[in-house]
Amino acid sequence: YHMSVCAYGIGGFIPLLAHHQPGKEHVEKVTDLEEYGARYKYKCPFENCDKNSGRQKSIGYKEFSIHAGVMHGLLERWAETADIEGSKELYDLLKSLREEDNNELPEIPKITCEELHICLICEGADKEGKNLSFAKDKIYQTRYHYSVCLYDTGLYVSMYPPGKQNSTEDGKPRDILGREVKYSCQEKGCTLRRKMGYKEFVIHMANDHGGLDEILKNHASEQVRDMAPKLVYKRK
């Protein structure tokens, strides 16, 4: 463990264990990476590892790297080619111990990285908004958060007019909860058939039927516009 921490600290694992952090493809120092999982998280990709079984949480690059060094031969791989004092002796020792146990040096599997971010609309006003994910299996939840956040901006009113029976004099929806006026989705193929209040209806339309994508790609904020392609969701 100690040697894995040391090898990590001098950047020895960076060339061996892909971090997939945008704009940091050529860094050599671990301090130039986001190490602790605040924005980028990893799950151990090695087979039959306790770190990727059950409900194990994703971890930061530092913890992931040291874990791979201790448990999956990454330290041995580094020591084999490292050009520092003692590295050859360390390699010979690790190789010998592994071979005594009749174990092969595992190949490094494909590494995936989960990118997190703080909501660009509410700026993390709630707990959910502080840890939004771009991972494919979580993108729908992230889209839902943005769809809800955008409701209070008033951008949905022109996109989804509430209709005369549910409009105030300035065109805003009068009944947003559906106590008097309800709406139903008319999009072909949509499985949501129950009637909804205006707020739920427009959030559904934005999240499931393209309204969110339209707003994001035309948003006044360049940062939001740049994020829009990452939130594209394709239904199966």
C-alpha atoms as a PDB file:
ATOM      1  CA  TYR A   1       0.000   0.000   0.000  1.00  0.00           C
ATOM      2  CA  HIS A   2       2.726   2.460   0.979  1.00  0.00           C
ATOM      3  CA  MET A   3       4.607   1.896  -2.282  1.00  0.00           C
ATOM      4  CA  SER A   4       1.395   2.387  -4.300  1.00  0.00           C
ATOM      5  CA  VAL A   5       0.793   5.696  -2.532  1.00  0.00           C
ATOM      6  CA  CYS A   6       4.349   6.774  -3.312  1.00  0.00           C
ATOM      7  CA  ALA A   7       4.172   5.705  -6.964  1.00  0.00           C
ATOM      8  CA  TYR A   8       0.871   7.524  -7.339  1.00  0.00           C
ATOM      9  CA  GLY A   9       2.259  10.643  -5.705  1.00  0.00           C
ATOM     10  CA  ILE A  10       5.039  11.022  -8.263  1.00  0.00           C
ATOM     11  CA  GLY A  11       2.603  10.563 -11.153  1.00  0.00           C
ATOM     12  CA  GLY A  12       3.756   7.048 -11.978  1.00  0.00           C
ATOM     13  CA  PHE A  13       0.275   5.643 -12.504  1.00  0.00           C
ATOM     14  CA  ILE A  14      -0.999   8.373 -14.847  1.00  0.00           C
ATOM     15  CA  PRO A  15       0.391   6.808 -18.069  1.00  0.00           C
ATOM     16  CA  LEU A  16      -0.984   3.392 -17.053  1.00  0.00           C
ATOM     17  CA  LEU A  17      -4.437   4.233 -15.733  1.00  0.00           C
ATOM     18  CA  ALA A  18      -6.504   6.486 -17.993  1.00  0.00           C
ATOM     19  CA  HIS A  19      -8.264   9.288 -16.119  1.00  0.00           C
ATOM     20  CA  HIS A  20     -10.389  10.622 -19.023  1.00  0.00           C
ATOM     21  CA  GLN A  21     -10.504  14.133 -17.571  1.00  0.00           C
ATOM     22  CA  PRO A  22     -11.089  16.605 -20.444  1.00  0.00           C
ATOM     23  CA  GLY A  23      -8.287  19.037 -21.177  1.00  0.00           C
ATOM     24  CA  LYS A  24      -5.821  17.126 -19.015  1.00  0.00           C
ATOM     25  CA  GLU A  25      -4.613  14.545 -21.504  1.00  0.00           C
ATOM     26  CA  HIS A  26      -0.939  15.454 -21.136  1.00  0.00           C
ATOM     27  CA  VAL A  27      -0.626  16.182 -17.421  1.00  0.00           C
ATOM     28  CA  GLU A  28       2.233  14.530 -15.540  1.00  0.00           C
ATOM     29  CA  LYS A  29       1.420  15.645 -11.992  1.00  0.00           C
ATOM     30  CA  VAL A  30      -1.493  14.199 -10.063  1.00  0.00           C
ATOM     31  CA  THR A  31      -2.062  17.604  -8.492  1.00  0.00           C
ATOM     32  CA  ASP A  32      -3.138  18.811 -11.940  1.00  0.00           C
ATOM     33  CA  LEU A  33      -6.002  16.291 -11.894  1.00  0.00           C
ATOM     34  CA  GLU A  34      -9.262  16.316  -9.953  1.00  0.00           C
ATOM     35  CA  GLU A  35      -8.191  13.539  -7.574  1.00  0.00           C
ATOM     36  CA  TYR A  36     -10.940  13.164  -5.003  1.00  0.00           C
ATOM     37  CA  GLY A  37     -14.159  12.466  -6.896  1.00  0.00           C
ATOM     38  CA  ALA A  38     -15.756  15.886  -6.616  1.00  0.00           C
ATOM     39  CA  ARG A  39     -16.186  16.065 -10.394  1.00  0.00           C
ATOM     40  CA  TYR A  40     -14.869  12.769 -11.792  1.00  0.00           C
ATOM     41  CA  LYS A  41     -15.653   9.351 -10.329  1.00  0.00           C
ATOM     42  CA  TYR A  42     -14.519   5.833 -11.206  1.00  0.00           C
ATOM     43  CA  LYS A  43     -15.572   2.263 -10.547  1.00  0.00           C
ATOM     44  CA  CYS A  44     -12.979  -0.467 -10.533  1.00  0.00           C
ATOM     45  CA  PRO A  45     -13.270  -2.306 -13.891  1.00  0.00           C
ATOM     46  CA  PHE A  46     -11.344  -5.438 -12.858  1.00  0.00           C
ATOM     47  CA  GLU A  47     -13.405  -8.625 -12.675  1.00  0.00           C
ATOM     48  CA  ASN A  48     -14.470 -10.067  -9.331  1.00  0.00           C
ATOM     49  CA  CYS A  49     -13.354  -7.013  -7.389  1.00  0.00           C
ATOM     50  CA  ASP A  50     -15.136  -6.012  -4.191  1.00  0.00           C
ATOM     51  CA  LYS A  51     -14.927  -2.379  -5.289  1.00  0.00           C
ATOM     52  CA  ASN A  52     -17.397  -2.920  -8.144  1.00  0.00           C
ATOM     53  CA  SER A  53     -19.832  -5.341  -6.531  1.00  0.00           C
ATOM     54  CA  GLY A  54     -23.170  -4.604  -4.941  1.00  0.00           C
ATOM     55  CA  ARG A  55     -23.772  -0.996  -4.006  1.00  0.00           C
ATOM     56  CA  GLN A  56     -20.149   0.059  -3.833  1.00  0.00           C
ATOM     57  CA  LYS A  57     -19.855   3.786  -4.473  1.00  0.00           C
ATOM     58  CA  SER A  58     -17.722   5.237  -7.226  1.00  0.00           C
ATOM     59  CA  ILE A  59     -14.416   6.680  -6.057  1.00  0.00           C
ATOM     60  CA  GLY A  60     -11.983   9.423  -6.992  1.00  0.00           C
ATOM     61  CA  TYR A  61      -8.946   8.935  -9.212  1.00  0.00           C
ATOM     62  CA  LYS A  62      -6.500   8.853  -6.298  1.00  0.00           C
ATOM     63  CA  GLU A  63      -8.323   6.121  -4.408  1.00  0.00           C
ATOM     64  CA  PHE A  64      -8.920   4.205  -7.636  1.00  0.00           C
ATOM     65  CA  SER A  65      -5.247   4.368  -8.632  1.00  0.00           C
ATOM     66  CA  ILE A  66      -3.917   3.283  -5.254  1.00  0.00           C
ATOM     67  CA  HIS A  67      -6.479   0.478  -5.126  1.00  0.00           C
ATOM     68  CA  ALA A  68      -5.351  -0.730  -8.575  1.00  0.00           C
ATOM     69  CA  GLY A  69      -1.747  -0.548  -7.411  1.00  0.00           C
ATOM     70  CA  VAL A  70      -2.413  -2.667  -4.338  1.00  0.00           C
ATOM     71  CA  MET A  71      -4.947  -5.154  -5.719  1.00  0.00           C
ATOM     72  CA  HIS A  72      -4.571  -5.379  -9.502  1.00  0.00           C
ATOM     73  CA  GLY A  73      -0.884  -5.312 -10.381  1.00  0.00           C
ATOM     74  CA  LEU A  74      -0.608  -1.661 -11.326  1.00  0.00           C
ATOM     75  CA  LEU A  75       2.350  -1.179  -8.985  1.00  0.00           C
ATOM     76  CA  GLU A  76       4.163  -4.071 -10.640  1.00  0.00           C
ATOM     77  CA  ARG A  77       3.507  -2.642 -14.093  1.00  0.00           C
ATOM     78  CA  TRP A  78       4.873   0.713 -13.007  1.00  0.00           C
ATOM     79  CA  ALA A  79       7.953  -0.776 -11.309  1.00  0.00           C
ATOM     80  CA  GLU A  80       8.802  -2.774 -14.427  1.00  0.00           C
ATOM     81  CA  THR A  81       9.573   0.345 -16.470  1.00  0.00           C
ATOM     82  CA  ALA A  82      10.255   2.956 -13.778  1.00  0.00           C
ATOM     83  CA  ASP A  83      13.705   4.486 -13.858  1.00  0.00           C
ATOM     84  CA  ILE A  84      14.238   5.300 -10.209  1.00  0.00           C
ATOM     85  CA  GLU A  85      16.337   3.748  -7.477  1.00  0.00           C
ATOM     86  CA  GLY A  86      14.878   0.527  -6.136  1.00  0.00           C
ATOM     87  CA  SER A  87      12.228   0.084  -8.825  1.00  0.00           C
ATOM     88  CA  LYS A  88      13.899  -2.987 -10.386  1.00  0.00           C
ATOM     89  CA  GLU A  89      14.161  -4.695  -7.004  1.00  0.00           C
ATOM     90  CA  LEU A  90      10.525  -3.853  -6.292  1.00  0.00           C
ATOM     91  CA  TYR A  91       9.453  -5.269  -9.647  1.00  0.00           C
ATOM     92  CA  ASP A  92      11.388  -8.502  -9.102  1.00  0.00           C
ATOM     93  CA  LEU A  93       9.829  -8.907  -5.650  1.00  0.00           C
ATOM     94  CA  LEU A  94       6.258  -8.262  -6.783  1.00  0.00           C
ATOM     95  CA  LYS A  95       6.630 -10.523  -9.804  1.00  0.00           C
ATOM     96  CA  SER A  96       8.088 -13.300  -7.669  1.00  0.00           C
ATOM     97  CA  LEU A  97       5.300 -13.074  -5.088  1.00  0.00           C
ATOM     98  CA  ARG A  98       2.633 -13.098  -7.796  1.00  0.00           C
ATOM     99  CA  GLU A  99       4.144 -16.119  -9.556  1.00  0.00           C
ATOM    100  CA  GLU A 100       4.434 -18.004  -6.262  1.00  0.00           C
ATOM    101  CA  ASP A 101       0.662 -17.701  -5.997  1.00  0.00           C
ATOM    102  CA  ASN A 102       0.277 -18.835  -9.637  1.00  0.00           C
ATOM    103  CA  ASN A 103      -1.409 -15.588 -10.623  1.00  0.00           C
ATOM    104  CA  GLU A 104      -1.221 -13.843 -13.983  1.00  0.00           C
ATOM    105  CA  LEU A 105      -0.622 -10.105 -14.175  1.00  0.00           C
ATOM    106  CA  PRO A 106      -4.082  -8.805 -15.103  1.00  0.00           C
ATOM    107  CA  GLU A 107      -4.573  -6.674 -18.179  1.00  0.00           C
ATOM    108  CA  ILE A 108      -6.008  -3.249 -17.490  1.00  0.00           C
ATOM    109  CA  PRO A 109      -9.659  -3.218 -18.663  1.00  0.00           C
ATOM    110  CA  LYS A 110     -11.389  -0.297 -20.316  1.00  0.00           C
ATOM    111  CA  ILE A 111     -11.803   2.475 -17.775  1.00  0.00           C
ATOM    112  CA  THR A 112     -14.891   4.641 -17.676  1.00  0.00           C
ATOM    113  CA  CYS A 113     -15.206   7.955 -15.893  1.00  0.00           C
ATOM    114  CA  GLU A 114     -18.399   9.484 -14.531  1.00  0.00           C
ATOM    115  CA  GLU A 115     -18.378  13.262 -14.872  1.00  0.00           C
ATOM    116  CA  LEU A 116     -20.319  15.242 -12.276  1.00  0.00           C
ATOM    117  CA  HIS A 117     -21.210  18.909 -12.173  1.00  0.00           C
ATOM    118  CA  ILE A 118     -23.186  21.519 -10.257  1.00  0.00           C
ATOM    119  CA  CYS A 119     -26.419  22.625 -11.911  1.00  0.00           C
ATOM    120  CA  LEU A 120     -25.783  25.644 -14.113  1.00  0.00           C
ATOM    121  CA  ILE A 121     -29.278  27.001 -13.523  1.00  0.00           C
ATOM    122  CA  CYS A 122     -29.839  26.749  -9.745  1.00  0.00           C
ATOM    123  CA  GLU A 123     -26.099  26.549  -8.952  1.00  0.00           C
ATOM    124  CA  GLY A 124     -26.634  23.675  -6.551  1.00  0.00           C
ATOM    125  CA  ALA A 125     -29.478  25.153  -4.548  1.00  0.00           C
ATOM    126  CA  ASP A 126     -30.462  21.670  -3.387  1.00  0.00           C
ATOM    127  CA  LYS A 127     -28.498  18.482  -2.697  1.00  0.00           C
ATOM    128  CA  GLU A 128     -29.404  16.947  -6.068  1.00  0.00           C
ATOM    129  CA  GLY A 129     -28.193  20.013  -7.934  1.00  0.00           C
ATOM    130  CA  LYS A 130     -24.728  19.681  -6.451  1.00  0.00           C
ATOM    131  CA  ASN A 131     -24.008  16.250  -7.985  1.00  0.00           C
ATOM    132  CA  LEU A 132     -25.540  15.988 -11.443  1.00  0.00           C
ATOM    133  CA  SER A 133     -24.109  13.253 -13.629  1.00  0.00           C
ATOM    134  CA  PHE A 134     -23.425  12.960 -17.356  1.00  0.00           C
ATOM    135  CA  ALA A 135     -23.286   9.141 -17.124  1.00  0.00           C
ATOM    136  CA  LYS A 136     -25.568   7.453 -19.660  1.00  0.00           C
ATOM    137  CA  ASP A 137     -27.545   5.594 -17.005  1.00  0.00           C
ATOM    138  CA  LYS A 138     -28.134   8.803 -15.038  1.00  0.00           C
ATOM    139  CA  ILE A 139     -28.662  11.326 -17.823  1.00  0.00           C
ATOM    140  CA  TYR A 140     -32.458  11.098 -17.636  1.00  0.00           C
ATOM    141  CA  GLN A 141     -32.422  12.136 -13.965  1.00  0.00           C
ATOM    142  CA  THR A 142     -30.077  15.013 -14.795  1.00  0.00           C
ATOM    143  CA  ARG A 143     -32.375  16.144 -17.586  1.00  0.00           C
ATOM    144  CA  TYR A 144     -35.318  16.032 -15.190  1.00  0.00           C
ATOM    145  CA  HIS A 145     -33.482  18.266 -12.734  1.00  0.00           C
ATOM    146  CA  TYR A 146     -32.779  20.839 -15.445  1.00  0.00           C
ATOM    147  CA  SER A 147     -36.353  20.627 -16.714  1.00  0.00           C
ATOM    148  CA  VAL A 148     -37.641  21.437 -13.226  1.00  0.00           C
ATOM    149  CA  CYS A 149     -35.078  24.205 -12.679  1.00  0.00           C
ATOM    150  CA  LEU A 150     -36.013  25.925 -15.922  1.00  0.00           C
ATOM    151  CA  TYR A 151     -39.698  26.076 -15.013  1.00  0.00           C
ATOM    152  CA  ASP A 152     -39.262  29.123 -12.786  1.00  0.00           C
ATOM    153  CA  THR A 153     -37.418  31.019 -15.518  1.00  0.00           C
ATOM    154  CA  GLY A 154     -40.693  31.395 -17.453  1.00  0.00           C
ATOM    155  CA  LEU A 155     -39.192  30.022 -20.661  1.00  0.00           C
ATOM    156  CA  TYR A 156     -41.865  27.343 -20.984  1.00  0.00           C
ATOM    157  CA  VAL A 157     -44.793  29.760 -21.317  1.00  0.00           C
ATOM    158  CA  SER A 158     -44.062  30.697 -24.942  1.00  0.00           C
ATOM    159  CA  MET A 159     -43.055  27.145 -25.811  1.00  0.00           C
ATOM    160  CA  TYR A 160     -46.129  25.572 -24.202  1.00  0.00           C
ATOM    161  CA  PRO A 161     -48.885  28.246 -23.931  1.00  0.00           C
ATOM    162  CA  PRO A 162     -51.299  27.421 -21.101  1.00  0.00           C
ATOM    163  CA  GLY A 163     -54.337  28.297 -23.221  1.00  0.00           C
ATOM    164  CA  LYS A 164     -57.020  30.932 -22.723  1.00  0.00           C
ATOM    165  CA  GLN A 165     -58.878  29.065 -20.008  1.00  0.00           C
ATOM    166  CA  ASN A 166     -55.767  28.855 -17.871  1.00  0.00           C
ATOM    167  CA  SER A 167     -54.021  32.187 -18.525  1.00  0.00           C
ATOM    168  CA  THR A 168     -53.755  35.337 -16.483  1.00  0.00           C
ATOM    169  CA  GLU A 169     -53.916  38.750 -18.172  1.00  0.00           C
ATOM    170  CA  ASP A 170     -50.154  38.718 -18.748  1.00  0.00           C
ATOM    171  CA  GLY A 171     -50.265  35.235 -20.308  1.00  0.00           C
ATOM    172  CA  LYS A 172     -48.904  33.271 -17.383  1.00  0.00           C
ATOM    173  CA  PRO A 173     -50.554  30.029 -16.244  1.00  0.00           C
ATOM    174  CA  ARG A 174     -53.239  30.607 -13.627  1.00  0.00           C
ATOM    175  CA  ASP A 175     -53.559  27.046 -12.304  1.00  0.00           C
ATOM    176  CA  ILE A 176     -50.191  25.238 -12.376  1.00  0.00           C
ATOM    177  CA  LEU A 177     -51.131  22.245 -10.221  1.00  0.00           C
ATOM    178  CA  GLY A 178     -54.137  21.005 -12.210  1.00  0.00           C
ATOM    179  CA  ARG A 179     -56.841  21.680  -9.665  1.00  0.00           C
ATOM    180  CA  GLU A 180     -59.114  23.083 -12.381  1.00  0.00           C
ATOM    181  CA  VAL A 181     -57.319  22.664 -15.699  1.00  0.00           C
ATOM    182  CA  LYS A 182     -55.462  19.549 -16.782  1.00  0.00           C
ATOM    183  CA  TYR A 183     -53.348  18.657 -19.800  1.00  0.00           C
ATOM    184  CA  SER A 184     -52.447  15.393 -21.522  1.00  0.00           C
ATOM    185  CA  CYS A 185     -49.460  14.515 -23.688  1.00  0.00           C
ATOM    186  CA  GLN A 186     -50.374  14.120 -27.354  1.00  0.00           C
ATOM    187  CA  GLU A 187     -46.932  13.045 -28.575  1.00  0.00           C
ATOM    188  CA  LYS A 188     -47.042   9.909 -30.687  1.00  0.00           C
ATOM    189  CA  GLY A 189     -45.638   6.880 -28.902  1.00  0.00           C
ATOM    190  CA  CYS A 190     -45.601   8.465 -25.451  1.00  0.00           C
ATOM    191  CA  THR A 191     -46.680   6.062 -22.732  1.00  0.00           C
ATOM    192  CA  LEU A 192     -47.718   8.766 -20.255  1.00  0.00           C
ATOM    193  CA  ARG A 193     -51.472   8.947 -20.725  1.00  0.00           C
ATOM    194  CA  ARG A 194     -52.757  10.411 -17.460  1.00  0.00           C
ATOM    195  CA  LYS A 195     -53.758  14.055 -17.246  1.00  0.00           C
ATOM    196  CA  MET A 196     -51.495  16.541 -15.503  1.00  0.00           C
ATOM    197  CA  GLY A 197     -51.380  20.048 -14.174  1.00  0.00           C
ATOM    198  CA  TYR A 198     -49.603  22.681 -16.271  1.00  0.00           C
ATOM    199  CA  LYS A 199     -46.297  22.538 -14.391  1.00  0.00           C
ATOM    200  CA  GLU A 200     -45.999  18.756 -14.534  1.00  0.00           C
ATOM    201  CA  PHE A 201     -47.085  18.783 -18.180  1.00  0.00           C
ATOM    202  CA  VAL A 202     -44.455  21.257 -19.391  1.00  0.00           C
ATOM    203  CA  ILE A 203     -41.692  19.569 -17.387  1.00  0.00           C
ATOM    204  CA  HIS A 204     -42.677  16.281 -19.009  1.00  0.00           C
ATOM    205  CA  MET A 205     -42.712  17.848 -22.462  1.00  0.00           C
ATOM    206  CA  ALA A 206     -39.318  19.435 -21.892  1.00  0.00           C
ATOM    207  CA  ASN A 207     -37.645  16.351 -20.504  1.00  0.00           C
ATOM    208  CA  ASP A 208     -39.198  13.718 -22.749  1.00  0.00           C
ATOM    209  CA  HIS A 209     -40.044  15.505 -25.983  1.00  0.00           C
ATOM    210  CA  GLY A 210     -37.267  17.923 -26.850  1.00  0.00           C
ATOM    211  CA  GLY A 211     -38.207  21.147 -25.122  1.00  0.00           C
ATOM    212  CA  LEU A 212     -35.224  21.005 -22.799  1.00  0.00           C
ATOM    213  CA  ASP A 213     -32.790  20.487 -25.662  1.00  0.00           C
ATOM    214  CA  GLU A 214     -34.231  23.458 -27.535  1.00  0.00           C
ATOM    215  CA  ILE A 215     -33.917  25.748 -24.520  1.00  0.00           C
ATOM    216  CA  LEU A 216     -30.393  24.652 -23.643  1.00  0.00           C
ATOM    217  CA  LYS A 217     -28.948  25.036 -27.118  1.00  0.00           C
ATOM    218  CA  ASN A 218     -30.403  28.568 -27.390  1.00  0.00           C
ATOM    219  CA  HIS A 219     -29.737  29.638 -23.808  1.00  0.00           C
ATOM    220  CA  ALA A 220     -28.211  33.045 -23.097  1.00  0.00           C
ATOM    221  CA  SER A 221     -25.378  31.420 -21.150  1.00  0.00           C
ATOM    222  CA  GLU A 222     -22.512  30.080 -23.267  1.00  0.00           C
ATOM    223  CA  GLN A 223     -21.701  27.597 -20.535  1.00  0.00           C
ATOM    224  CA  VAL A 224     -25.222  26.177 -20.709  1.00  0.00           C
ATOM    225  CA  ARG A 225     -25.111  26.036 -24.514  1.00  0.00           C
ATOM    226  CA  ASP A 226     -21.806  24.157 -24.391  1.00  0.00           C
ATOM    227  CA  MET A 227     -23.317  21.632 -21.986  1.00  0.00           C
ATOM    228  CA  ALA A 228     -26.386  20.915 -24.141  1.00  0.00           C
ATOM    229  CA  PRO A 229     -24.862  18.097 -26.255  1.00  0.00           C
ATOM    230  CA  LYS A 230     -23.936  16.192 -23.092  1.00  0.00           C
ATOM    231  CA  LEU A 231     -27.586  16.022 -22.046  1.00  0.00           C
ATOM    232  CA  VAL A 232     -28.950  14.495 -25.243  1.00  0.00           C
ATOM    233  CA  TYR A 233     -31.018  11.454 -24.309  1.00  0.00           C
ATOM    234  CA  LYS A 234     -32.024   8.771 -26.768  1.00  0.00           C
ATOM    235  CA  ARG A 235     -34.879   6.542 -25.767  1.00  0.00           C
ATOM    236  CA  LYS A 236     -34.485   2.849 -26.482  1.00  0.00           C
END
